C-alpha atoms as a PDB file:
ATOM      1  CA  MET A   1      93.918  93.611  83.660  1.00  0.00           C
ATOM      2  CA  PRO A   2      96.206  90.536  83.647  1.00  0.00           C
ATOM      3  CA  ALA A   3      94.917  87.540  85.591  1.00  0.00           C
ATOM      4  CA  TRP A   4      95.422  83.820  86.034  1.00  0.00           C
ATOM      5  CA  THR A   5      92.568  81.522  85.041  1.00  0.00           C
ATOM      6  CA  VAL A   6      92.110  78.618  87.429  1.00  0.00           C
ATOM      7  CA  CYS A   7      90.595  75.572  85.737  1.00  0.00           C
ATOM      8  CA  LEU A   8      88.333  73.315  87.772  1.00  0.00           C
ATOM      9  CA  ALA A   9      87.933  69.635  86.918  1.00  0.00           C
ATOM     10  CA  SER A  10      84.742  68.166  85.485  1.00  0.00           C
ATOM     11  CA  ASP A  11      83.825  64.694  84.275  1.00  0.00           C
ATOM     12  CA  ASP A  12      81.364  66.256  81.808  1.00  0.00           C
ATOM     13  CA  VAL A  13      82.167  69.757  80.528  1.00  0.00           C
ATOM     14  CA  ASP A  14      78.923  69.991  78.556  1.00  0.00           C
ATOM     15  CA  ALA A  15      76.744  69.248  81.592  1.00  0.00           C
ATOM     16  CA  THR A  16      78.821  71.634  83.720  1.00  0.00           C
ATOM     17  CA  THR A  17      78.356  74.380  81.102  1.00  0.00           C
ATOM     18  CA  ASP A  18      74.593  73.931  81.405  1.00  0.00           C
ATOM     19  CA  ALA A  19      74.808  74.001  85.226  1.00  0.00           C
ATOM     20  CA  VAL A  20      76.818  77.256  85.182  1.00  0.00           C
ATOM     21  CA  SER A  21      74.130  78.938  83.072  1.00  0.00           C
ATOM     22  CA  ALA A  22      71.288  77.464  85.132  1.00  0.00           C
ATOM     23  CA  HIS A  23      72.746  78.820  88.389  1.00  0.00           C
ATOM     24  CA  GLY A  24      73.451  82.407  87.360  1.00  0.00           C
ATOM     25  CA  GLY A  25      76.915  82.153  85.819  1.00  0.00           C
ATOM     26  CA  THR A  26      77.910  83.312  82.344  1.00  0.00           C
ATOM     27  CA  VAL A  27      79.645  81.104  79.775  1.00  0.00           C
ATOM     28  CA  LEU A  28      82.338  83.258  78.139  1.00  0.00           C
ATOM     29  CA  MET A  29      83.843  80.624  75.820  1.00  0.00           C
ATOM     30  CA  GLY A  30      81.705  77.601  75.054  1.00  0.00           C
ATOM     31  CA  PRO A  31      82.952  74.054  75.447  1.00  0.00           C
ATOM     32  CA  GLY A  32      85.462  72.833  72.937  1.00  0.00           C
ATOM     33  CA  ASP A  33      88.110  70.230  72.433  1.00  0.00           C
ATOM     34  CA  VAL A  34      91.763  71.077  73.007  1.00  0.00           C
ATOM     35  CA  GLY A  35      93.033  68.465  70.609  1.00  0.00           C
ATOM     36  CA  PRO A  36      93.322  65.093  72.306  1.00  0.00           C
ATOM     37  CA  VAL A  37      94.460  66.562  75.641  1.00  0.00           C
ATOM     38  CA  GLY A  38      91.017  67.539  76.944  1.00  0.00           C
ATOM     39  CA  ARG A  39      87.883  69.607  76.635  1.00  0.00           C
ATOM     40  CA  MET A  40      87.231  72.932  78.315  1.00  0.00           C
ATOM     41  CA  PHE A  41      85.170  76.092  78.622  1.00  0.00           C
ATOM     42  CA  VAL A  42      85.600  79.455  80.361  1.00  0.00           C
ATOM     43  CA  ALA A  43      82.903  81.102  82.463  1.00  0.00           C
ATOM     44  CA  ALA A  44      82.243  83.748  85.080  1.00  0.00           C
ATOM     45  CA  ASP A  45      80.419  83.111  88.333  1.00  0.00           C
ATOM     46  CA  PRO A  46      77.523  85.386  89.366  1.00  0.00           C
ATOM     47  CA  ALA A  47      80.025  87.843  90.936  1.00  0.00           C
ATOM     48  CA  GLY A  48      81.991  88.048  87.680  1.00  0.00           C
ATOM     49  CA  ALA A  49      85.026  86.014  88.735  1.00  0.00           C
ATOM     50  CA  VAL A  50      86.381  84.121  85.716  1.00  0.00           C
ATOM     51  CA  PHE A  51      87.335  80.438  85.826  1.00  0.00           C
ATOM     52  CA  GLY A  52      87.898  77.600  83.404  1.00  0.00           C
ATOM     53  CA  VAL A  53      86.550  74.064  83.525  1.00  0.00           C
ATOM     54  CA  TRP A  54      88.665  71.159  82.287  1.00  0.00           C
ATOM     55  CA  GLN A  55      87.594  67.659  81.301  1.00  0.00           C
ATOM     56  CA  ARG A  56      90.618  65.448  81.013  1.00  0.00           C
ATOM     57  CA  GLY A  57      91.696  63.727  77.864  1.00  0.00           C
ATOM     58  CA  GLU A  58      95.347  62.778  77.512  1.00  0.00           C
ATOM     59  CA  HIS A  59      96.274  65.555  79.995  1.00  0.00           C
ATOM     60  CA  ILE A  60      94.798  65.124  83.478  1.00  0.00           C
ATOM     61  CA  GLY A  61      95.821  68.523  84.876  1.00  0.00           C
ATOM     62  CA  PRO A  62      98.587  69.651  87.243  1.00  0.00           C
ATOM     63  CA  GLY A  63     101.367  67.128  87.623  1.00  0.00           C
ATOM     64  CA  VAL A  64     102.760  68.742  90.769  1.00  0.00           C
ATOM     65  CA  VAL A  65     100.560  69.810  93.668  1.00  0.00           C
ATOM     66  CA  ASN A  66     101.098  70.609  97.344  1.00  0.00           C
ATOM     67  CA  GLU A  67     104.871  70.957  97.047  1.00  0.00           C
ATOM     68  CA  PRO A  68     107.230  73.830  96.181  1.00  0.00           C
ATOM     69  CA  GLY A  69     106.552  75.050  92.661  1.00  0.00           C
ATOM     70  CA  GLY A  70     103.220  73.231  92.528  1.00  0.00           C
ATOM     71  CA  LEU A  71      99.604  74.248  92.890  1.00  0.00           C
ATOM     72  CA  VAL A  72      98.769  74.640  96.571  1.00  0.00           C
ATOM     73  CA  TRP A  73      95.913  77.072  97.195  1.00  0.00           C
ATOM     74  CA  GLU A  74      93.307  78.942  95.182  1.00  0.00           C
ATOM     75  CA  ASP A  75      91.280  81.742  96.676  1.00  0.00           C
ATOM     76  CA  ILE A  76      88.459  84.047  95.619  1.00  0.00           C
ATOM     77  CA  ALA A  77      87.611  87.465  97.022  1.00  0.00           C
ATOM     78  CA  VAL A  78      84.006  88.471  96.358  1.00  0.00           C
ATOM     79  CA  PRO A  79      81.584  90.857  98.078  1.00  0.00           C
ATOM     80  CA  ASN A  80      78.984  88.101  98.719  1.00  0.00           C
ATOM     81  CA  PRO A  81      80.807  84.847  99.460  1.00  0.00           C
ATOM     82  CA  ASP A  82      77.615  83.021 100.493  1.00  0.00           C
ATOM     83  CA  ALA A  83      76.153  83.510  96.986  1.00  0.00           C
ATOM     84  CA  ILE A  84      79.297  82.082  95.396  1.00  0.00           C
ATOM     85  CA  ARG A  85      79.287  79.159  97.845  1.00  0.00           C
ATOM     86  CA  ARG A  86      75.711  78.377  96.759  1.00  0.00           C
ATOM     87  CA  PHE A  87      76.687  78.656  93.077  1.00  0.00           C
ATOM     88  CA  SER A  88      79.761  76.426  93.498  1.00  0.00           C
ATOM     89  CA  ALA A  89      77.839  73.875  95.533  1.00  0.00           C
ATOM     90  CA  ALA A  90      75.109  73.696  92.875  1.00  0.00           C
ATOM     91  CA  VAL A  91      77.492  73.546  89.886  1.00  0.00           C
ATOM     92  CA  PHE A  92      80.372  71.455  91.279  1.00  0.00           C
ATOM     93  CA  GLY A  93      78.914  69.777  94.363  1.00  0.00           C
ATOM     94  CA  TYR A  94      81.305  71.603  96.709  1.00  0.00           C
ATOM     95  CA  ARG A  95      80.723  71.748 100.440  1.00  0.00           C
ATOM     96  CA  TYR A  96      82.240  74.276 102.807  1.00  0.00           C
ATOM     97  CA  ASP A  97      83.619  73.793 106.290  1.00  0.00           C
ATOM     98  CA  PRO A  98      85.045  76.385 108.689  1.00  0.00           C
ATOM     99  CA  VAL A  99      88.832  76.677 108.617  1.00  0.00           C
ATOM    100  CA  PRO A 100      89.992  76.345 112.240  1.00  0.00           C
ATOM    101  CA  GLY A 101      91.719  79.485 113.491  1.00  0.00           C
ATOM    102  CA  ALA A 102      91.086  81.463 110.285  1.00  0.00           C
ATOM    103  CA  GLY A 103      88.542  83.900 111.684  1.00  0.00           C
ATOM    104  CA  ALA A 104      84.876  84.519 111.099  1.00  0.00           C
ATOM    105  CA  GLY A 105      83.497  83.651 107.705  1.00  0.00           C
ATOM    106  CA  ARG A 106      86.567  81.850 106.363  1.00  0.00           C
ATOM    107  CA  ARG A 107      85.609  78.555 104.709  1.00  0.00           C
ATOM    108  CA  ASP A 108      87.517  75.900 102.865  1.00  0.00           C
END
């Protein structure tokens, strides 16, 4: 099935790879250099959703965000969002707040 792979930023891809494994994720492609532009790996969270992790080198990531044609919103649909929130908080340090007016259970 075709899919996009969202890459999340990390200051230390190797440490993040270890954290993914330690918190129930699966590393699908181990960390490696992408020439001088950066370092990355690909993993799946405990629900099986695939994502990449990018450590900047010469390329920092998206050059256009929050405007037409740029990256604006990423979303995940999983059967147990609380488990993925715990995973993401442990691996990336994310925190989640209710989105006003979005309905029960919607977090940002």
